[in-house]
Amino acid sequence: MDPTQLRDIHVTMGHPWWPPAPGWWLLAGALVALGLLLWRYDPRWRLYVPLPVITLGTWRWEAAQGLRALRRRLTHEPVKPVAAELSELLRRIAMARHGRAACAGLHGEAWLAWLSAHDPRGFDWRRDGQPLLTAPYARPAAADTQRESIRRLLDAGMEWVAAPDPKPERRRRRLPDWLQRPVAGVGQRLRRRRPTPEQAPVQTRAQDTV
């Protein structure tokens, strides 16, 4: 055989990093599980890590996007239009959490008092929320002096979005009409059979004499 016709042997090694070792699969699974737990039990994660169909398109996601946009605008735009849009956005957030009938007709100090009474973190809107009433109608120069106050109100509004929904009030179940009369009759018969405190000593003395 002619030595000049010999060729080198090339061995195909493939991709040395695939498939990964079992330890890497376990680590990836643990990280995914941790992320799902944080997303499930910490509402703040849902405002920054959206999931299609579950988070995208919900009122929380849209409200958080609106509050973040107002915060960015507050750094370089006049305060007056930002305060006006914040007041409107807070009302939509409140109606999404508690229903339109709960707060749609409130204005002025009554609106701030309602926000204070229902704030999920106990923020005092009556004391610190006055810029909502004054900044949208003030002169631009006067409104710009309340920039830091509006920033605090944006943070307080984000707490409304991140907080879980309020628990509905439990209502006592009422028996159907056709059951109320029989149940009432049974209760009356039981009360008649039960001895009163005045009759109990008499029965005891009668037993002692016997």
N, C-alpha and C. Protein backbone atom coordinates (compact mmCIF):
# COMPACT_ATOMS: atom_id res chain seq x y z
N MET A 1 0.85 -1.20 0.00
CA MET A 1 0.00 0.00 0.00
C MET A 1 0.88 1.24 0.00
N ASP A 2 0.48 2.16 -0.83
CA ASP A 2 1.25 3.39 -0.93
C ASP A 2 1.00 4.25 0.30
N PRO A 3 2.06 4.57 1.06
CA PRO A 3 1.85 5.38 2.29
C PRO A 3 1.27 6.75 2.00
N THR A 4 1.42 7.22 0.78
CA THR A 4 0.89 8.57 0.48
C THR A 4 -0.62 8.60 0.40
N GLN A 5 -1.25 7.40 0.28
CA GLN A 5 -2.70 7.34 0.18
C GLN A 5 -3.39 7.24 1.56
N LEU A 6 -2.64 7.12 2.62
CA LEU A 6 -3.22 7.03 3.97
C LEU A 6 -3.74 8.39 4.42
N ARG A 7 -4.88 8.38 5.06
CA ARG A 7 -5.49 9.61 5.56
C ARG A 7 -5.65 9.54 7.07
N ASP A 8 -5.71 10.73 7.68
CA ASP A 8 -5.91 10.78 9.13
C ASP A 8 -7.33 10.38 9.49
N ILE A 9 -7.46 9.78 10.65
CA ILE A 9 -8.78 9.38 11.16
C ILE A 9 -9.37 10.53 11.96
N HIS A 10 -10.57 11.00 11.56
CA HIS A 10 -11.26 12.09 12.26
C HIS A 10 -12.44 11.50 13.03
N VAL A 11 -12.41 11.65 14.33
CA VAL A 11 -13.49 11.13 15.18
C VAL A 11 -14.44 12.27 15.53
N THR A 12 -15.73 12.06 15.25
CA THR A 12 -16.74 13.07 15.55
C THR A 12 -17.11 12.99 17.03
N MET A 13 -16.79 14.04 17.80
CA MET A 13 -17.01 14.04 19.25
C MET A 13 -18.41 14.54 19.62
N GLY A 14 -19.11 15.20 18.67
CA GLY A 14 -20.43 15.75 19.01
C GLY A 14 -20.30 16.96 19.91
N HIS A 15 -21.35 17.23 20.67
CA HIS A 15 -21.36 18.37 21.60
C HIS A 15 -21.09 17.85 23.01
N PRO A 16 -19.95 18.20 23.57
CA PRO A 16 -19.63 17.65 24.90
C PRO A 16 -20.53 18.16 26.00
N TRP A 17 -21.25 19.30 25.75
CA TRP A 17 -22.09 19.86 26.82
C TRP A 17 -23.53 19.36 26.75
N TRP A 18 -23.82 18.52 25.76
CA TRP A 18 -25.21 18.02 25.64
C TRP A 18 -25.21 16.52 25.42
N PRO A 19 -26.01 15.76 26.10
CA PRO A 19 -26.95 16.22 27.14
C PRO A 19 -26.23 16.51 28.44
N PRO A 20 -26.77 17.42 29.25
CA PRO A 20 -26.10 17.76 30.51
C PRO A 20 -26.19 16.60 31.50
N ALA A 21 -25.34 16.67 32.49
CA ALA A 21 -25.32 15.65 33.54
C ALA A 21 -26.61 15.73 34.37
N PRO A 22 -27.00 14.65 35.04
CA PRO A 22 -28.23 14.68 35.86
C PRO A 22 -28.24 15.77 36.91
N GLY A 23 -27.07 16.11 37.43
CA GLY A 23 -27.03 17.17 38.44
C GLY A 23 -27.50 18.51 37.91
N TRP A 24 -27.17 18.79 36.64
CA TRP A 24 -27.62 20.05 36.05
C TRP A 24 -29.14 20.06 35.85
N TRP A 25 -29.71 18.91 35.50
CA TRP A 25 -31.17 18.83 35.37
C TRP A 25 -31.84 19.10 36.72
N LEU A 26 -31.29 18.54 37.79
CA LEU A 26 -31.87 18.77 39.12
C LEU A 26 -31.76 20.23 39.52
N LEU A 27 -30.61 20.85 39.23
CA LEU A 27 -30.44 22.26 39.57
C LEU A 27 -31.43 23.13 38.79
N ALA A 28 -31.61 22.84 37.50
CA ALA A 28 -32.56 23.61 36.70
C ALA A 28 -33.98 23.44 37.22
N GLY A 29 -34.36 22.21 37.58
CA GLY A 29 -35.69 21.98 38.13
C GLY A 29 -35.91 22.71 39.43
N ALA A 30 -34.88 22.74 40.30
CA ALA A 30 -35.01 23.45 41.58
C ALA A 30 -35.18 24.95 41.36
N LEU A 31 -34.44 25.51 40.40
CA LEU A 31 -34.56 26.94 40.12
C LEU A 31 -35.94 27.28 39.56
N VAL A 32 -36.45 26.42 38.69
CA VAL A 32 -37.79 26.67 38.14
C VAL A 32 -38.84 26.58 39.23
N ALA A 33 -38.71 25.59 40.12
CA ALA A 33 -39.68 25.46 41.22
C ALA A 33 -39.61 26.66 42.15
N LEU A 34 -38.40 27.14 42.44
CA LEU A 34 -38.26 28.32 43.30
C LEU A 34 -38.88 29.55 42.66
N GLY A 35 -38.67 29.71 41.35
CA GLY A 35 -39.26 30.84 40.67
C GLY A 35 -40.78 30.80 40.67
N LEU A 36 -41.37 29.60 40.49
CA LEU A 36 -42.82 29.48 40.51
C LEU A 36 -43.39 29.76 41.89
N LEU A 37 -42.68 29.33 42.94
CA LEU A 37 -43.14 29.62 44.29
C LEU A 37 -43.12 31.11 44.58
N LEU A 38 -42.04 31.77 44.19
CA LEU A 38 -41.97 33.21 44.40
C LEU A 38 -43.06 33.93 43.60
N TRP A 39 -43.30 33.48 42.40
CA TRP A 39 -44.32 34.12 41.57
C TRP A 39 -45.70 33.88 42.14
N ARG A 40 -45.88 32.70 42.76
CA ARG A 40 -47.21 32.35 43.28
C ARG A 40 -47.52 33.08 44.59
N TYR A 41 -46.54 33.18 45.48
CA TYR A 41 -46.82 33.70 46.82
C TYR A 41 -46.35 35.13 47.03
N ASP A 42 -45.65 35.73 46.11
CA ASP A 42 -45.25 37.13 46.22
C ASP A 42 -45.84 37.89 45.04
N PRO A 43 -46.91 38.66 45.25
CA PRO A 43 -47.56 39.33 44.11
C PRO A 43 -46.64 40.30 43.38
N ARG A 44 -45.57 40.79 44.03
CA ARG A 44 -44.68 41.73 43.37
C ARG A 44 -44.02 41.10 42.15
N TRP A 45 -43.72 39.81 42.24
CA TRP A 45 -43.09 39.15 41.10
C TRP A 45 -44.00 39.14 39.89
N ARG A 46 -45.31 39.08 40.11
CA ARG A 46 -46.24 39.05 38.98
C ARG A 46 -46.27 40.38 38.23
N LEU A 47 -45.85 41.45 38.91
CA LEU A 47 -45.85 42.76 38.27
C LEU A 47 -44.61 42.98 37.42
N TYR A 48 -43.59 42.13 37.58
CA TYR A 48 -42.35 42.28 36.82
C TYR A 48 -42.06 41.08 35.93
N VAL A 49 -42.62 39.92 36.26
CA VAL A 49 -42.39 38.70 35.47
C VAL A 49 -43.76 38.22 35.00
N PRO A 50 -44.23 38.70 33.87
CA PRO A 50 -45.58 38.30 33.42
C PRO A 50 -45.59 36.93 32.79
N LEU A 51 -46.70 36.24 32.94
CA LEU A 51 -46.94 34.97 32.27
C LEU A 51 -48.11 35.14 31.33
N PRO A 52 -47.99 34.69 30.09
CA PRO A 52 -49.10 34.85 29.15
C PRO A 52 -50.38 34.21 29.68
N VAL A 53 -51.49 34.85 29.38
CA VAL A 53 -52.84 34.42 29.74
C VAL A 53 -53.10 34.60 31.24
N ILE A 54 -52.10 34.41 32.11
CA ILE A 54 -52.30 34.49 33.55
C ILE A 54 -52.12 35.92 34.05
N THR A 55 -51.06 36.59 33.62
CA THR A 55 -50.75 37.93 34.10
C THR A 55 -50.99 39.00 33.06
N LEU A 56 -50.56 38.76 31.83
CA LEU A 56 -50.71 39.76 30.79
C LEU A 56 -52.19 40.05 30.54
N GLY A 57 -52.52 41.32 30.50
CA GLY A 57 -53.90 41.71 30.24
C GLY A 57 -54.74 41.88 31.49
N THR A 58 -54.26 41.54 32.69
CA THR A 58 -55.02 41.72 33.91
C THR A 58 -54.92 43.17 34.37
N TRP A 59 -55.82 43.56 35.26
CA TRP A 59 -55.81 44.94 35.72
C TRP A 59 -54.57 45.23 36.54
N ARG A 60 -54.04 44.25 37.25
CA ARG A 60 -52.82 44.48 38.04
C ARG A 60 -51.64 44.81 37.13
N TRP A 61 -51.48 44.03 36.06
CA TRP A 61 -50.37 44.27 35.16
C TRP A 61 -50.49 45.63 34.49
N GLU A 62 -51.69 45.98 34.03
CA GLU A 62 -51.87 47.27 33.37
C GLU A 62 -51.68 48.42 34.35
N ALA A 63 -52.17 48.26 35.59
CA ALA A 63 -51.99 49.33 36.58
C ALA A 63 -50.53 49.50 36.95
N ALA A 64 -49.80 48.40 37.11
CA ALA A 64 -48.37 48.50 37.42
C ALA A 64 -47.60 49.15 36.29
N GLN A 65 -47.96 48.82 35.06
CA GLN A 65 -47.32 49.45 33.91
C GLN A 65 -47.59 50.96 33.91
N GLY A 66 -48.83 51.33 34.21
CA GLY A 66 -49.16 52.75 34.26
C GLY A 66 -48.43 53.50 35.35
N LEU A 67 -48.31 52.89 36.55
CA LEU A 67 -47.59 53.54 37.64
C LEU A 67 -46.10 53.68 37.33
N ARG A 68 -45.51 52.67 36.73
CA ARG A 68 -44.09 52.76 36.36
C ARG A 68 -43.87 53.83 35.30
N ALA A 69 -44.81 53.93 34.35
CA ALA A 69 -44.67 54.97 33.33
C ALA A 69 -44.78 56.37 33.95
N LEU A 70 -45.69 56.55 34.90
CA LEU A 70 -45.80 57.85 35.57
C LEU A 70 -44.55 58.16 36.37
N ARG A 71 -43.96 57.16 36.97
CA ARG A 71 -42.72 57.39 37.74
C ARG A 71 -41.58 57.83 36.83
N ARG A 72 -41.49 57.23 35.65
CA ARG A 72 -40.44 57.66 34.72
C ARG A 72 -40.69 59.08 34.23
N ARG A 73 -41.94 59.40 33.96
CA ARG A 73 -42.26 60.75 33.49
C ARG A 73 -42.02 61.80 34.56
N LEU A 74 -42.18 61.39 35.83
CA LEU A 74 -42.02 62.36 36.91
C LEU A 74 -40.60 62.89 37.01
N THR A 75 -39.63 62.17 36.50
CA THR A 75 -38.24 62.60 36.61
C THR A 75 -37.89 63.76 35.68
N HIS A 76 -38.64 63.95 34.59
CA HIS A 76 -38.27 64.99 33.64
C HIS A 76 -39.46 65.79 33.11
N GLU A 77 -40.69 65.49 33.54
CA GLU A 77 -41.86 66.22 33.07
C GLU A 77 -42.45 67.03 34.22
N PRO A 78 -43.30 68.00 33.92
CA PRO A 78 -43.98 68.76 34.98
C PRO A 78 -44.85 67.85 35.85
N VAL A 79 -45.01 68.25 37.08
CA VAL A 79 -45.73 67.42 38.05
C VAL A 79 -47.24 67.47 37.81
N LYS A 80 -47.76 68.57 37.32
CA LYS A 80 -49.20 68.76 37.23
C LYS A 80 -49.90 67.69 36.40
N PRO A 81 -49.49 67.39 35.16
CA PRO A 81 -50.19 66.33 34.42
C PRO A 81 -49.98 64.95 35.01
N VAL A 82 -48.81 64.71 35.61
CA VAL A 82 -48.56 63.40 36.24
C VAL A 82 -49.49 63.20 37.43
N ALA A 83 -49.68 64.25 38.24
CA ALA A 83 -50.58 64.14 39.39
C ALA A 83 -52.02 63.91 38.95
N ALA A 84 -52.44 64.56 37.88
CA ALA A 84 -53.81 64.37 37.39
C ALA A 84 -54.02 62.94 36.91
N GLU A 85 -53.07 62.39 36.18
CA GLU A 85 -53.20 61.01 35.70
C GLU A 85 -53.09 60.01 36.85
N LEU A 86 -52.28 60.32 37.86
CA LEU A 86 -52.19 59.44 39.03
C LEU A 86 -53.51 59.38 39.77
N SER A 87 -54.17 60.51 39.93
CA SER A 87 -55.46 60.52 40.62
C SER A 87 -56.48 59.65 39.88
N GLU A 88 -56.51 59.76 38.57
CA GLU A 88 -57.44 58.94 37.79
C GLU A 88 -57.08 57.46 37.85
N LEU A 89 -55.78 57.15 37.80
CA LEU A 89 -55.35 55.74 37.85
C LEU A 89 -55.65 55.12 39.21
N LEU A 90 -55.47 55.88 40.28
CA LEU A 90 -55.78 55.36 41.62
C LEU A 90 -57.26 55.04 41.75
N ARG A 91 -58.10 55.84 41.15
CA ARG A 91 -59.54 55.56 41.22
C ARG A 91 -59.87 54.27 40.48
N ARG A 92 -59.24 54.04 39.34
CA ARG A 92 -59.48 52.80 38.61
C ARG A 92 -58.97 51.59 39.39
N ILE A 93 -57.83 51.75 40.06
CA ILE A 93 -57.30 50.65 40.88
C ILE A 93 -58.25 50.35 42.03
N ALA A 94 -58.75 51.39 42.70
CA ALA A 94 -59.66 51.19 43.82
C ALA A 94 -60.95 50.51 43.37
N MET A 95 -61.48 50.89 42.22
CA MET A 95 -62.70 50.26 41.72
C MET A 95 -62.44 48.82 41.31
N ALA A 96 -61.24 48.51 40.81
CA ALA A 96 -60.92 47.13 40.46
C ALA A 96 -60.83 46.25 41.70
N ARG A 97 -60.40 46.80 42.82
CA ARG A 97 -60.25 46.01 44.05
C ARG A 97 -61.56 45.91 44.84
N HIS A 98 -62.34 47.00 44.89
CA HIS A 98 -63.50 47.04 45.78
C HIS A 98 -64.82 47.23 45.06
N GLY A 99 -64.81 47.38 43.77
CA GLY A 99 -66.06 47.59 43.05
C GLY A 99 -66.34 49.06 42.79
N ARG A 100 -67.05 49.31 41.71
CA ARG A 100 -67.32 50.70 41.32
C ARG A 100 -68.21 51.41 42.34
N ALA A 101 -69.17 50.71 42.90
CA ALA A 101 -70.10 51.36 43.82
C ALA A 101 -69.44 51.81 45.12
N ALA A 102 -68.27 51.26 45.44
CA ALA A 102 -67.63 51.57 46.72
C ALA A 102 -66.99 52.95 46.74
N CYS A 103 -66.51 53.44 45.60
CA CYS A 103 -65.73 54.68 45.64
C CYS A 103 -65.89 55.57 44.42
N ALA A 104 -66.74 55.21 43.47
CA ALA A 104 -66.82 55.98 42.24
C ALA A 104 -67.31 57.40 42.48
N GLY A 105 -68.17 57.62 43.45
CA GLY A 105 -68.74 58.94 43.68
C GLY A 105 -68.04 59.77 44.72
N LEU A 106 -66.86 59.35 45.20
CA LEU A 106 -66.15 60.08 46.26
C LEU A 106 -65.22 61.11 45.65
N HIS A 107 -65.13 62.27 46.33
CA HIS A 107 -64.26 63.34 45.87
C HIS A 107 -63.69 64.07 47.08
N GLY A 108 -62.59 64.76 46.86
CA GLY A 108 -62.01 65.60 47.89
C GLY A 108 -61.56 64.82 49.12
N GLU A 109 -61.86 65.40 50.30
CA GLU A 109 -61.44 64.78 51.55
C GLU A 109 -62.11 63.42 51.78
N ALA A 110 -63.34 63.27 51.28
CA ALA A 110 -64.01 61.97 51.42
C ALA A 110 -63.26 60.89 50.65
N TRP A 111 -62.72 61.23 49.50
CA TRP A 111 -61.94 60.27 48.71
C TRP A 111 -60.65 59.89 49.43
N LEU A 112 -59.97 60.85 50.01
CA LEU A 112 -58.74 60.55 50.75
C LEU A 112 -59.05 59.73 52.01
N ALA A 113 -60.16 60.04 52.68
CA ALA A 113 -60.53 59.26 53.87
C ALA A 113 -60.83 57.82 53.49
N TRP A 114 -61.49 57.61 52.37
CA TRP A 114 -61.77 56.24 51.93
C TRP A 114 -60.48 55.51 51.59
N LEU A 115 -59.54 56.16 50.94
CA LEU A 115 -58.25 55.53 50.64
C LEU A 115 -57.52 55.14 51.92
N SER A 116 -57.55 56.01 52.91
CA SER A 116 -56.88 55.70 54.18
C SER A 116 -57.54 54.51 54.88
N ALA A 117 -58.86 54.44 54.82
CA ALA A 117 -59.57 53.35 55.50
C ALA A 117 -59.35 52.01 54.82
N HIS A 118 -59.07 51.99 53.53
CA HIS A 118 -58.95 50.73 52.80
C HIS A 118 -57.54 50.46 52.31
N ASP A 119 -56.57 51.28 52.70
CA ASP A 119 -55.20 51.06 52.22
C ASP A 119 -54.65 49.75 52.76
N PRO A 120 -54.09 48.89 51.92
CA PRO A 120 -53.62 47.57 52.40
C PRO A 120 -52.40 47.65 53.30
N ARG A 121 -51.65 48.76 53.27
CA ARG A 121 -50.44 48.91 54.10
C ARG A 121 -50.60 49.99 55.16
N GLY A 122 -51.77 50.56 55.31
CA GLY A 122 -51.98 51.56 56.34
C GLY A 122 -51.43 52.94 56.01
N PHE A 123 -51.25 53.23 54.73
CA PHE A 123 -50.75 54.55 54.34
C PHE A 123 -51.79 55.61 54.66
N ASP A 124 -51.34 56.74 55.22
CA ASP A 124 -52.25 57.81 55.64
C ASP A 124 -52.46 58.76 54.46
N TRP A 125 -53.50 58.50 53.69
CA TRP A 125 -53.79 59.34 52.54
C TRP A 125 -54.36 60.69 52.95
N ARG A 126 -55.04 60.75 54.08
CA ARG A 126 -55.59 62.04 54.52
C ARG A 126 -54.50 63.04 54.85
N ARG A 127 -53.36 62.54 55.33
CA ARG A 127 -52.26 63.44 55.66
C ARG A 127 -51.30 63.63 54.49
N ASP A 128 -50.92 62.52 53.83
CA ASP A 128 -49.89 62.59 52.79
C ASP A 128 -50.47 62.64 51.37
N GLY A 129 -51.78 62.48 51.23
CA GLY A 129 -52.37 62.47 49.89
C GLY A 129 -52.95 63.79 49.44
N GLN A 130 -52.67 64.87 50.15
CA GLN A 130 -53.20 66.17 49.76
C GLN A 130 -52.74 66.61 48.37
N PRO A 131 -51.52 66.25 47.90
CA PRO A 131 -51.14 66.64 46.53
C PRO A 131 -52.08 66.12 45.45
N LEU A 132 -52.81 65.02 45.73
CA LEU A 132 -53.79 64.56 44.74
C LEU A 132 -54.90 65.58 44.51
N LEU A 133 -55.19 66.38 45.55
CA LEU A 133 -56.27 67.36 45.45
C LEU A 133 -55.77 68.72 44.98
N THR A 134 -54.50 69.02 45.23
CA THR A 134 -54.00 70.37 44.93
C THR A 134 -53.14 70.43 43.68
N ALA A 135 -52.28 69.44 43.46
CA ALA A 135 -51.33 69.52 42.34
C ALA A 135 -52.01 69.56 40.97
N PRO A 136 -53.09 68.79 40.71
CA PRO A 136 -53.69 68.85 39.36
C PRO A 136 -54.28 70.22 39.02
N TYR A 137 -54.56 71.08 40.03
CA TYR A 137 -55.20 72.36 39.78
C TYR A 137 -54.29 73.54 40.13
N ALA A 138 -53.08 73.25 40.56
CA ALA A 138 -52.16 74.32 40.93
C ALA A 138 -51.41 74.84 39.71
N ARG A 139 -50.76 75.96 39.88
CA ARG A 139 -49.91 76.47 38.82
C ARG A 139 -48.72 75.53 38.62
N PRO A 140 -48.19 75.45 37.40
CA PRO A 140 -47.09 74.50 37.16
C PRO A 140 -45.92 74.68 38.11
N ALA A 141 -45.55 75.92 38.41
CA ALA A 141 -44.40 76.14 39.31
C ALA A 141 -44.72 75.66 40.72
N ALA A 142 -45.95 75.90 41.18
CA ALA A 142 -46.32 75.44 42.52
C ALA A 142 -46.45 73.92 42.57
N ALA A 143 -46.94 73.30 41.49
CA ALA A 143 -47.08 71.84 41.47
C ALA A 143 -45.73 71.15 41.46
N ASP A 144 -44.73 71.77 40.83
CA ASP A 144 -43.41 71.14 40.76
C ASP A 144 -42.74 71.03 42.12
N THR A 145 -43.17 71.81 43.08
CA THR A 145 -42.60 71.71 44.43
C THR A 145 -43.07 70.45 45.16
N GLN A 146 -44.07 69.76 44.63
CA GLN A 146 -44.60 68.56 45.27
C GLN A 146 -44.14 67.29 44.57
N ARG A 147 -43.02 67.36 43.91
CA ARG A 147 -42.54 66.20 43.14
C ARG A 147 -42.27 65.00 44.03
N GLU A 148 -41.59 65.21 45.15
CA GLU A 148 -41.29 64.09 46.06
C GLU A 148 -42.56 63.52 46.68
N SER A 149 -43.52 64.37 46.97
CA SER A 149 -44.79 63.87 47.53
C SER A 149 -45.51 62.99 46.52
N ILE A 150 -45.51 63.38 45.26
CA ILE A 150 -46.15 62.56 44.22
C ILE A 150 -45.40 61.24 44.06
N ARG A 151 -44.08 61.25 44.21
CA ARG A 151 -43.32 60.01 44.11
C ARG A 151 -43.70 59.04 45.23
N ARG A 152 -43.92 59.55 46.43
CA ARG A 152 -44.37 58.69 47.53
C ARG A 152 -45.77 58.14 47.27
N LEU A 153 -46.61 58.95 46.66
CA LEU A 153 -47.95 58.46 46.33
C LEU A 153 -47.90 57.39 45.24
N LEU A 154 -46.96 57.48 44.34
CA LEU A 154 -46.79 56.42 43.34
C LEU A 154 -46.39 55.11 44.01
N ASP A 155 -45.49 55.20 44.98
CA ASP A 155 -45.09 53.98 45.71
C ASP A 155 -46.27 53.41 46.48
N ALA A 156 -47.07 54.27 47.10
CA ALA A 156 -48.25 53.79 47.84
C ALA A 156 -49.26 53.17 46.89
N GLY A 157 -49.40 53.73 45.70
CA GLY A 157 -50.31 53.13 44.71
C GLY A 157 -49.84 51.77 44.25
N MET A 158 -48.52 51.57 44.14
CA MET A 158 -48.01 50.26 43.76
C MET A 158 -48.32 49.21 44.83
N GLU A 159 -48.39 49.63 46.09
CA GLU A 159 -48.77 48.70 47.16
C GLU A 159 -50.21 48.24 46.98
N TRP A 160 -51.07 49.11 46.49
CA TRP A 160 -52.45 48.70 46.21
C TRP A 160 -52.49 47.63 45.14
N VAL A 161 -51.63 47.75 44.15
CA VAL A 161 -51.61 46.78 43.06
C VAL A 161 -51.02 45.46 43.52
N ALA A 162 -49.97 45.51 44.35
CA ALA A 162 -49.28 44.29 44.76
C ALA A 162 -50.02 43.53 45.86
N ALA A 163 -50.85 44.20 46.64
CA ALA A 163 -51.53 43.55 47.76
C ALA A 163 -52.58 42.57 47.24
N PRO A 164 -52.79 41.46 47.97
CA PRO A 164 -53.84 40.51 47.56
C PRO A 164 -55.22 41.13 47.67
N ASP A 165 -56.16 40.53 46.97
CA ASP A 165 -57.53 41.04 46.98
C ASP A 165 -58.12 40.96 48.38
N PRO A 166 -58.91 41.94 48.78
CA PRO A 166 -59.56 41.88 50.10
C PRO A 166 -60.53 40.71 50.18
N LYS A 167 -60.59 40.11 51.36
CA LYS A 167 -61.49 38.98 51.55
C LYS A 167 -62.93 39.47 51.63
N PRO A 168 -63.84 38.83 50.93
CA PRO A 168 -65.24 39.26 51.01
C PRO A 168 -65.84 38.94 52.37
N GLU A 169 -66.78 39.75 52.78
CA GLU A 169 -67.44 39.54 54.07
C GLU A 169 -68.32 38.29 54.01
N ARG A 170 -68.22 37.51 55.07
CA ARG A 170 -69.03 36.30 55.14
C ARG A 170 -70.47 36.64 55.55
N ARG A 171 -71.38 36.11 54.82
CA ARG A 171 -72.79 36.33 55.12
C ARG A 171 -73.40 35.05 55.70
N ARG A 172 -74.23 35.24 56.69
CA ARG A 172 -74.90 34.09 57.30
C ARG A 172 -75.91 33.51 56.33
N ARG A 173 -75.82 32.21 56.22
CA ARG A 173 -76.74 31.53 55.31
C ARG A 173 -78.13 31.46 55.93
N ARG A 174 -79.10 31.74 55.13
CA ARG A 174 -80.50 31.71 55.58
C ARG A 174 -81.16 30.44 55.11
N LEU A 175 -81.90 29.83 56.01
CA LEU A 175 -82.61 28.61 55.65
C LEU A 175 -83.73 28.91 54.67
N PRO A 176 -84.03 27.97 53.81
CA PRO A 176 -85.20 28.17 52.93
C PRO A 176 -86.48 28.35 53.73
N ASP A 177 -87.44 28.99 53.11
CA ASP A 177 -88.70 29.26 53.82
C ASP A 177 -89.41 27.99 54.26
N TRP A 178 -89.31 26.94 53.47
CA TRP A 178 -90.03 25.72 53.83
C TRP A 178 -89.35 24.97 54.97
N LEU A 179 -88.12 25.39 55.37
CA LEU A 179 -87.45 24.76 56.49
C LEU A 179 -87.50 25.60 57.76
N GLN A 180 -87.78 26.88 57.64
CA GLN A 180 -87.73 27.75 58.80
C GLN A 180 -88.76 27.36 59.85
N ARG A 181 -90.02 27.07 59.44
CA ARG A 181 -91.06 26.76 60.41
C ARG A 181 -90.81 25.43 61.14
N PRO A 182 -90.43 24.34 60.43
CA PRO A 182 -90.13 23.10 61.19
C PRO A 182 -88.97 23.26 62.15
N VAL A 183 -87.91 23.97 61.74
CA VAL A 183 -86.76 24.14 62.63
C VAL A 183 -87.15 24.98 63.84
N ALA A 184 -87.95 26.02 63.63
CA ALA A 184 -88.40 26.83 64.76
C ALA A 184 -89.25 26.01 65.72
N GLY A 185 -90.09 25.12 65.19
CA GLY A 185 -90.91 24.28 66.06
C GLY A 185 -90.07 23.33 66.89
N VAL A 186 -89.03 22.74 66.30
CA VAL A 186 -88.14 21.85 67.06
C VAL A 186 -87.43 22.61 68.15
N GLY A 187 -86.99 23.84 67.86
CA GLY A 187 -86.32 24.63 68.89
C GLY A 187 -87.23 24.97 70.04
N GLN A 188 -88.48 25.26 69.77
CA GLN A 188 -89.41 25.55 70.85
C GLN A 188 -89.66 24.35 71.73
N ARG A 189 -89.79 23.16 71.12
CA ARG A 189 -90.02 21.96 71.92
C ARG A 189 -88.80 21.64 72.79
N LEU A 190 -87.61 21.86 72.29
CA LEU A 190 -86.42 21.61 73.10
C LEU A 190 -86.33 22.58 74.27
N ARG A 191 -86.68 23.82 74.04
CA ARG A 191 -86.64 24.79 75.14
C ARG A 191 -87.67 24.45 76.21
N ARG A 192 -88.82 23.90 75.81
CA ARG A 192 -89.85 23.54 76.81
C ARG A 192 -89.38 22.38 77.67
N ARG A 193 -88.68 21.42 77.09
CA ARG A 193 -88.23 20.27 77.85
C ARG A 193 -87.07 20.60 78.77
N ARG A 194 -86.29 21.63 78.45
CA ARG A 194 -85.14 21.97 79.27
C ARG A 194 -85.61 22.65 80.55
N PRO A 195 -85.21 22.16 81.74
CA PRO A 195 -85.66 22.80 82.99
C PRO A 195 -85.04 24.17 83.17
N THR A 196 -85.82 25.07 83.70
CA THR A 196 -85.34 26.43 83.97
C THR A 196 -84.51 26.43 85.25
N PRO A 197 -83.70 27.45 85.52
CA PRO A 197 -82.93 27.50 86.77
C PRO A 197 -83.80 27.49 88.01
N GLU A 198 -85.05 28.00 87.94
CA GLU A 198 -85.91 27.99 89.11
C GLU A 198 -86.45 26.59 89.39
N GLN A 199 -86.63 25.77 88.35
CA GLN A 199 -87.18 24.44 88.55
C GLN A 199 -86.13 23.43 88.99
N ALA A 200 -84.86 23.67 88.68
CA ALA A 200 -83.83 22.70 88.99
C ALA A 200 -83.68 22.45 90.48
N PRO A 201 -83.64 23.47 91.39
CA PRO A 201 -83.55 23.18 92.84
C PRO A 201 -84.75 22.44 93.36
N VAL A 202 -85.95 22.75 92.83
CA VAL A 202 -87.16 22.06 93.29
C VAL A 202 -87.07 20.57 93.00
N GLN A 203 -86.61 20.23 91.78
CA GLN A 203 -86.48 18.81 91.44
C GLN A 203 -85.44 18.14 92.31
N THR A 204 -84.37 18.86 92.62
CA THR A 204 -83.32 18.25 93.46
C THR A 204 -83.83 17.99 94.85
N ARG A 205 -84.59 18.95 95.43
CA ARG A 205 -85.13 18.73 96.77
C ARG A 205 -86.12 17.59 96.79
N ALA A 206 -86.92 17.47 95.72
CA ALA A 206 -87.90 16.39 95.67
C ALA A 206 -87.20 15.04 95.64
N GLN A 207 -86.09 14.94 94.94
CA GLN A 207 -85.36 13.69 94.90
C GLN A 207 -84.73 13.38 96.25
N ASP A 208 -84.27 14.43 96.98
CA ASP A 208 -83.66 14.18 98.29
C ASP A 208 -84.70 13.67 99.29
N THR A 209 -85.93 14.19 99.25
CA THR A 209 -86.96 13.74 100.18
C THR A 209 -87.35 12.29 99.92
N VAL A 210 -87.33 11.89 98.66
CA VAL A 210 -87.64 10.50 98.33
C VAL A 210 -86.54 9.60 98.84
